[in-house]
Amino acid sequence: MRLVIFTEPQNGASYDDQRRVAQTAEAAGFDGYFRADHLLAMRGDGLPGPTDSWVTLGGLALETSRLRLGTLVSSATFRMPGPLAIAVAQVDAMSNGRVEFGLGAGWFAEEHSAYGIPFAPVSERFDHLEEQLEIITGLWETPVGQRFDFAGKHYQVTNSPGLPKPVQSPRPPVIVGGAGPRRTPELAARFADEYNTSFVPISKVAGLYQRVREASAAIGRTALPVFSAPAVMCVGRDDAEVRRRAEVLGRDVDEMRAGGGIVGTVAEAVDTIGQYAAAGTERLFLQTNDMSDLDQIELVAAEVAPQL
């Protein structure tokens, strides 16, 4: 089981906050630092305000040396596919090939209206997502010296050189996430190097992976994506420390556990991660909501990770 630190900076974190978390995660031995791509706080006042995901990851590319860096996940509603392909390829070069590219359809209507971004019905958003995945991977995979064209309903690309190329060949790993019953597993089967369940109870995780297996079989794909899941992290050395961390988050311990969280003492965390592993999870994204609590990151690295 590989462990990733996953943050929600839109709820209130500066670039410096994220840098401290990423550097702590790297020093502690975590597999990666990933961040949500949102523009509006979902709890708290959100101060000092949102930070752009790919600007942030470009900075972190220069301030880390080993961590995998990525989004879980960027929204296809936020950016045009061509410029997004350029930005991600550039961050991949800045990090010497450590980027992973998560892309989703978008779901949070309020952040779109708050920043003047069109928000289409869900079926149309999935159409945009599908075309963006085709374009971005197509641009990256087009050999140097050749041209890429795409004629879709929402996007048209004509005679593109597909530059710059990412460092990773043929492209950075692509992550497709979500719990949708049909289009999400179909897109994961077609495009994803990794499928992420989004936040669901552990009892539902294996079923979501099975949908991706079935969608992959339907198109003749034999090498399956990596299977991963996110889970809120609230781990302490004893029950009192767990409760204190839950209070800081404004969350209930039992509620977080019911939602699939890695919640409790070290022994309880190891047991819960074992349940994810039994369901087929290969990589776990630990949602770190209190970005000032670097001690929890170090605790999980020192006492939980060695037991996995």
Protein backbone atom coordinates (compact mmCIF):
# COMPACT_ATOMS: atom_id res chain seq x y z
CA MET A 1 0.00 0.00 0.00
CA ARG A 2 1.40 3.37 -1.03
CA LEU A 3 0.36 6.41 1.01
CA VAL A 4 -0.16 9.91 -0.38
CA ILE A 5 -0.83 13.14 1.49
CA PHE A 6 -3.89 14.82 -0.04
CA THR A 7 -4.87 18.40 0.86
CA GLU A 8 -7.85 20.71 0.37
CA PRO A 9 -6.17 24.14 0.17
CA GLN A 10 -9.37 25.93 -0.88
CA ASN A 11 -10.53 25.70 2.72
CA GLY A 12 -7.73 28.01 3.81
CA ALA A 13 -4.06 27.53 2.96
CA SER A 14 -1.35 29.69 1.44
CA TYR A 15 1.36 28.43 -0.86
CA ASP A 16 3.74 28.41 2.11
CA ASP A 17 1.32 26.18 4.06
CA GLN A 18 1.29 23.71 1.19
CA ARG A 19 5.07 23.84 0.83
CA ARG A 20 5.52 22.95 4.51
CA VAL A 21 3.13 20.00 4.22
CA ALA A 22 4.74 18.73 1.01
CA GLN A 23 8.26 18.97 2.37
CA THR A 24 7.20 17.26 5.61
CA ALA A 25 5.55 14.48 3.60
CA GLU A 26 8.67 14.03 1.49
CA ALA A 27 10.98 13.89 4.49
CA ALA A 28 8.66 11.40 6.19
CA GLY A 29 8.66 9.04 3.20
CA PHE A 30 5.17 9.44 1.72
CA ASP A 31 4.62 8.50 -1.92
CA GLY A 32 3.26 11.87 -3.02
CA TYR A 33 1.62 15.20 -2.34
CA PHE A 34 -1.68 15.78 -4.13
CA ARG A 35 -4.14 18.62 -3.80
CA ALA A 36 -7.76 19.25 -4.66
CA ASP A 37 -8.49 21.66 -7.51
CA HIS A 38 -11.23 23.92 -6.11
CA LEU A 39 -11.85 27.65 -5.99
CA LEU A 40 -14.28 28.04 -3.10
CA ALA A 41 -14.09 26.96 0.54
CA MET A 42 -16.36 24.13 1.65
CA ARG A 43 -15.79 24.87 5.33
CA GLY A 44 -14.40 27.87 7.16
CA ASP A 45 -13.69 31.28 5.66
CA GLY A 46 -11.16 30.04 3.12
CA LEU A 47 -8.61 32.73 3.96
CA PRO A 48 -6.29 33.76 2.42
CA GLY A 49 -8.17 32.49 -0.63
CA PRO A 50 -7.76 29.81 -3.29
CA THR A 51 -4.45 28.99 -4.95
CA ASP A 52 -4.20 27.71 -8.49
CA SER A 53 -3.37 24.01 -8.54
CA TRP A 54 -0.88 23.96 -11.36
CA VAL A 55 0.87 27.18 -10.33
CA THR A 56 1.23 25.64 -6.85
CA LEU A 57 2.53 22.32 -8.17
CA GLY A 58 5.03 24.13 -10.37
CA GLY A 59 6.42 25.81 -7.26
CA LEU A 60 6.49 22.55 -5.32
CA ALA A 61 8.26 20.85 -8.22
CA LEU A 62 11.26 23.07 -7.45
CA GLU A 63 11.02 22.69 -3.67
CA THR A 64 10.81 18.89 -3.51
CA SER A 65 12.95 16.20 -5.10
CA ARG A 66 11.18 12.82 -4.80
CA LEU A 67 7.44 13.25 -4.19
CA ARG A 68 4.90 12.46 -6.87
CA LEU A 69 2.84 15.62 -7.44
CA GLY A 70 -0.67 15.92 -8.80
CA THR A 71 -4.33 16.86 -8.56
CA LEU A 72 -7.21 14.79 -7.25
CA VAL A 73 -8.68 15.98 -9.50
CA SER A 74 -8.60 19.03 -11.77
CA SER A 75 -11.97 20.03 -13.18
CA ALA A 76 -12.46 19.93 -16.95
CA THR A 77 -14.69 22.99 -16.56
CA PHE A 78 -11.84 25.21 -15.34
CA ARG A 79 -9.41 25.22 -18.27
CA MET A 80 -9.26 24.70 -22.02
CA PRO A 81 -7.56 21.39 -22.88
CA GLY A 82 -4.71 22.75 -25.01
CA PRO A 83 -3.35 25.25 -22.47
CA LEU A 84 -3.89 22.68 -19.69
CA ALA A 85 -1.77 20.14 -21.58
CA ILE A 86 1.00 22.76 -21.86
CA ALA A 87 0.85 23.65 -18.15
CA VAL A 88 0.96 20.05 -16.95
CA ALA A 89 3.80 19.17 -19.34
CA GLN A 90 5.76 22.15 -18.06
CA VAL A 91 5.30 21.13 -14.41
CA ASP A 92 6.35 17.61 -15.39
CA ALA A 93 9.57 19.06 -16.78
CA MET A 94 10.09 21.28 -13.72
CA SER A 95 9.74 18.22 -11.47
CA ASN A 96 11.90 15.99 -13.68
CA GLY A 97 9.00 13.67 -14.40
CA ARG A 98 7.08 13.46 -11.12
CA VAL A 99 3.63 14.72 -12.19
CA GLU A 100 0.39 12.74 -12.17
CA PHE A 101 -2.62 14.25 -13.91
CA GLY A 102 -6.06 13.85 -12.36
CA LEU A 103 -9.04 15.14 -14.35
CA GLY A 104 -12.74 15.04 -13.57
CA ALA A 105 -16.02 16.49 -14.81
CA GLY A 106 -16.48 19.05 -12.00
CA TRP A 107 -19.38 19.08 -9.56
CA PHE A 108 -19.33 22.17 -7.29
CA ALA A 109 -21.74 24.62 -8.90
CA GLU A 110 -21.16 27.47 -6.42
CA GLU A 111 -17.45 27.80 -7.20
CA HIS A 112 -18.27 28.18 -10.87
CA SER A 113 -20.76 30.99 -10.32
CA ALA A 114 -18.39 32.67 -7.84
CA TYR A 115 -15.63 32.93 -10.46
CA GLY A 116 -17.64 33.28 -13.68
CA ILE A 117 -17.10 29.77 -15.03
CA PRO A 118 -19.89 28.13 -17.08
CA PHE A 119 -21.43 25.08 -15.41
CA ALA A 120 -23.28 22.77 -17.78
CA PRO A 121 -25.60 19.86 -16.88
CA VAL A 122 -23.81 16.73 -15.72
CA SER A 123 -24.13 14.81 -19.00
CA GLU A 124 -22.57 17.70 -20.92
CA ARG A 125 -19.78 18.03 -18.35
CA PHE A 126 -18.92 14.38 -18.92
CA ASP A 127 -18.86 15.07 -22.67
CA HIS A 128 -16.34 17.85 -22.03
CA LEU A 129 -14.29 15.54 -19.81
CA GLU A 130 -14.17 12.81 -22.43
CA GLU A 131 -13.05 15.20 -25.17
CA GLN A 132 -10.45 16.83 -22.91
CA LEU A 133 -8.97 13.44 -22.06
CA GLU A 134 -8.76 12.60 -25.76
CA ILE A 135 -7.14 15.93 -26.62
CA ILE A 136 -4.66 16.15 -23.76
CA THR A 137 -3.40 12.59 -24.08
CA GLY A 138 -3.38 12.97 -27.86
CA LEU A 139 -1.27 16.12 -27.70
CA TRP A 140 1.24 14.49 -25.36
CA GLU A 141 1.49 11.25 -27.32
CA THR A 142 1.85 12.78 -30.79
CA PRO A 143 5.47 12.20 -31.90
CA VAL A 144 7.69 15.24 -32.24
CA GLY A 145 7.50 16.51 -35.80
CA GLN A 146 3.98 15.22 -36.35
CA ARG A 147 0.67 17.08 -35.94
CA PHE A 148 -2.46 16.40 -33.91
CA ASP A 149 -6.03 17.11 -35.00
CA PHE A 150 -9.29 16.58 -33.17
CA ALA A 151 -12.85 17.40 -34.22
CA GLY A 152 -15.28 17.06 -31.34
CA LYS A 153 -18.61 18.55 -30.38
CA HIS A 154 -17.11 20.94 -27.84
CA TYR A 155 -13.44 21.29 -28.90
CA GLN A 156 -11.61 21.38 -32.21
CA VAL A 157 -7.83 21.14 -32.53
CA THR A 158 -6.20 21.77 -35.90
CA ASN A 159 -2.62 21.09 -36.98
CA SER A 160 -1.18 21.22 -33.44
CA PRO A 161 2.49 20.33 -32.93
CA GLY A 162 1.53 19.01 -29.49
CA LEU A 163 4.36 20.81 -27.76
CA PRO A 164 5.84 20.81 -25.20
CA LYS A 165 6.19 17.12 -24.50
CA PRO A 166 6.18 15.97 -20.88
CA VAL A 167 9.32 14.37 -19.48
CA GLN A 168 7.46 11.13 -18.77
CA SER A 169 6.93 9.07 -21.91
CA PRO A 170 4.50 8.66 -23.49
CA ARG A 171 2.82 10.92 -20.90
CA PRO A 172 2.29 11.50 -17.18
CA PRO A 173 0.00 8.99 -15.46
CA VAL A 174 -3.67 9.92 -15.84
CA ILE A 175 -6.06 9.55 -12.90
CA VAL A 176 -9.81 9.34 -13.45
CA GLY A 177 -11.95 9.44 -10.32
CA GLY A 178 -15.55 9.20 -9.24
CA ALA A 179 -18.29 6.81 -8.25
CA GLY A 180 -20.54 7.12 -11.31
CA PRO A 181 -22.09 3.85 -12.47
CA ARG A 182 -21.40 4.01 -16.22
CA ARG A 183 -19.40 6.83 -17.77
CA THR A 184 -16.77 7.05 -15.02
CA PRO A 185 -15.68 3.39 -15.33
CA GLU A 186 -15.84 3.63 -19.12
CA LEU A 187 -13.54 6.67 -19.14
CA ALA A 188 -11.24 5.02 -16.59
CA ALA A 189 -10.99 1.95 -18.80
CA ARG A 190 -10.16 4.05 -21.87
CA PHE A 191 -7.80 6.64 -20.44
CA ALA A 192 -6.73 6.02 -16.85
CA ASP A 193 -3.47 4.73 -15.48
CA GLU A 194 -5.17 4.97 -12.09
CA TYR A 195 -8.80 4.87 -11.02
CA ASN A 196 -9.79 6.62 -7.77
CA THR A 197 -13.10 5.91 -6.09
CA SER A 198 -13.73 9.35 -4.59
CA PHE A 199 -15.05 9.37 -1.00
CA VAL A 200 -17.23 6.31 -0.32
CA PRO A 201 -17.60 3.84 2.57
CA ILE A 202 -15.13 0.96 2.45
CA SER A 203 -17.98 -1.47 1.78
CA LYS A 204 -18.50 0.12 -1.66
CA VAL A 205 -14.87 0.27 -2.78
CA ALA A 206 -14.54 -3.25 -4.21
CA GLY A 207 -17.72 -2.83 -6.25
CA LEU A 208 -16.44 0.36 -7.85
CA TYR A 209 -13.18 -1.35 -8.80
CA GLN A 210 -15.18 -4.21 -10.30
CA ARG A 211 -17.03 -1.78 -12.59
CA VAL A 212 -13.69 -0.61 -13.95
CA ARG A 213 -12.56 -4.22 -14.44
CA GLU A 214 -15.75 -4.94 -16.41
CA ALA A 215 -15.45 -1.77 -18.49
CA SER A 216 -11.83 -2.65 -19.24
CA ALA A 217 -12.76 -6.18 -20.31
CA ALA A 218 -15.46 -4.78 -22.59
CA ILE A 219 -12.85 -2.90 -24.64
CA GLY A 220 -10.20 -5.60 -24.44
CA ARG A 221 -7.94 -3.85 -21.95
CA THR A 222 -5.93 -6.40 -19.99
CA ALA A 223 -3.50 -4.19 -18.01
CA LEU A 224 -5.81 -2.67 -15.42
CA PRO A 225 -5.40 0.79 -13.89
CA VAL A 226 -3.97 1.14 -10.42
CA PHE A 227 -6.88 1.16 -7.94
CA SER A 228 -6.87 3.92 -5.32
CA ALA A 229 -9.14 5.69 -2.85
CA PRO A 230 -9.18 8.83 -0.71
CA ALA A 231 -9.89 8.78 3.02
CA VAL A 232 -9.92 11.48 5.66
CA MET A 233 -7.02 11.12 8.12
CA CYS A 234 -7.52 11.61 11.86
CA VAL A 235 -4.95 9.49 13.70
CA GLY A 236 -3.60 9.89 17.23
CA ARG A 237 -1.39 8.13 19.72
CA ASP A 238 -4.41 7.60 21.98
CA ASP A 239 -8.16 8.23 21.96
CA ALA A 240 -7.76 11.68 23.52
CA GLU A 241 -5.45 12.80 20.73
CA VAL A 242 -7.86 11.42 18.14
CA ARG A 243 -10.76 13.36 19.69
CA ARG A 244 -8.67 16.53 19.82
CA ARG A 245 -7.82 16.26 16.15
CA ALA A 246 -11.47 15.59 15.29
CA GLU A 247 -12.53 18.69 17.21
CA VAL A 248 -10.07 20.82 15.25
CA LEU A 249 -11.62 19.51 12.05
CA GLY A 250 -15.16 20.12 13.34
CA ARG A 251 -15.96 16.48 12.58
CA ASP A 252 -17.37 13.56 14.57
CA VAL A 253 -15.13 10.53 15.01
CA ASP A 254 -17.90 8.00 14.28
CA GLU A 255 -19.10 9.96 11.25
CA MET A 256 -15.62 9.98 9.73
CA ARG A 257 -15.20 6.26 10.39
CA ALA A 258 -18.55 5.48 8.75
CA GLY A 259 -17.44 7.38 5.65
CA GLY A 260 -14.31 5.30 5.26
CA GLY A 261 -11.89 7.52 7.18
CA ILE A 262 -8.55 6.43 8.59
CA VAL A 263 -9.63 7.41 12.09
CA GLY A 264 -8.39 6.28 15.49
CA THR A 265 -5.22 5.10 17.15
CA VAL A 266 -2.25 3.73 15.23
CA ALA A 267 -3.55 0.16 15.59
CA GLU A 268 -7.00 1.19 14.37
CA ALA A 269 -5.50 3.04 11.41
CA VAL A 270 -3.49 -0.03 10.40
CA ASP A 271 -6.62 -2.17 10.60
CA THR A 272 -8.69 0.22 8.46
CA ILE A 273 -5.98 0.50 5.83
CA GLY A 274 -5.93 -3.30 5.78
CA GLN A 275 -9.64 -3.25 4.90
CA TYR A 276 -8.89 -0.98 1.94
CA ALA A 277 -6.12 -3.33 0.84
CA ALA A 278 -8.47 -6.31 1.07
CA ALA A 279 -10.92 -4.47 -1.20
CA GLY A 280 -8.19 -4.10 -3.82
CA THR A 281 -6.83 -0.64 -3.04
CA GLU A 282 -3.20 -0.17 -4.04
CA ARG A 283 -2.74 3.50 -3.13
CA LEU A 284 -4.46 5.52 -0.42
CA PHE A 285 -4.81 9.30 -0.45
CA LEU A 286 -4.89 10.56 3.14
CA GLN A 287 -6.99 13.72 3.27
CA THR A 288 -5.09 16.13 5.52
CA ASN A 289 -7.53 18.88 6.49
CA ASP A 290 -5.51 20.52 9.28
CA MET A 291 -2.46 21.63 7.35
CA SER A 292 -0.82 23.06 10.46
CA ASP A 293 -0.71 19.61 12.07
CA LEU A 294 2.61 18.35 10.74
CA ASP A 295 2.93 16.04 13.74
CA GLN A 296 0.10 13.81 12.45
CA ILE A 297 1.88 13.37 9.12
CA GLU A 298 5.08 12.34 10.90
CA LEU A 299 3.15 10.03 13.26
CA VAL A 300 1.51 8.12 10.41
CA ALA A 301 4.83 7.82 8.57
CA ALA A 302 6.70 6.62 11.65
CA GLU A 303 4.15 4.29 13.26
CA VAL A 304 1.47 3.32 10.71
CA ALA A 305 3.35 2.99 7.42
CA PRO A 306 5.96 0.47 8.69
CA GLN A 307 3.13 -1.93 9.66
CA LEU A 308 1.48 -2.01 6.23
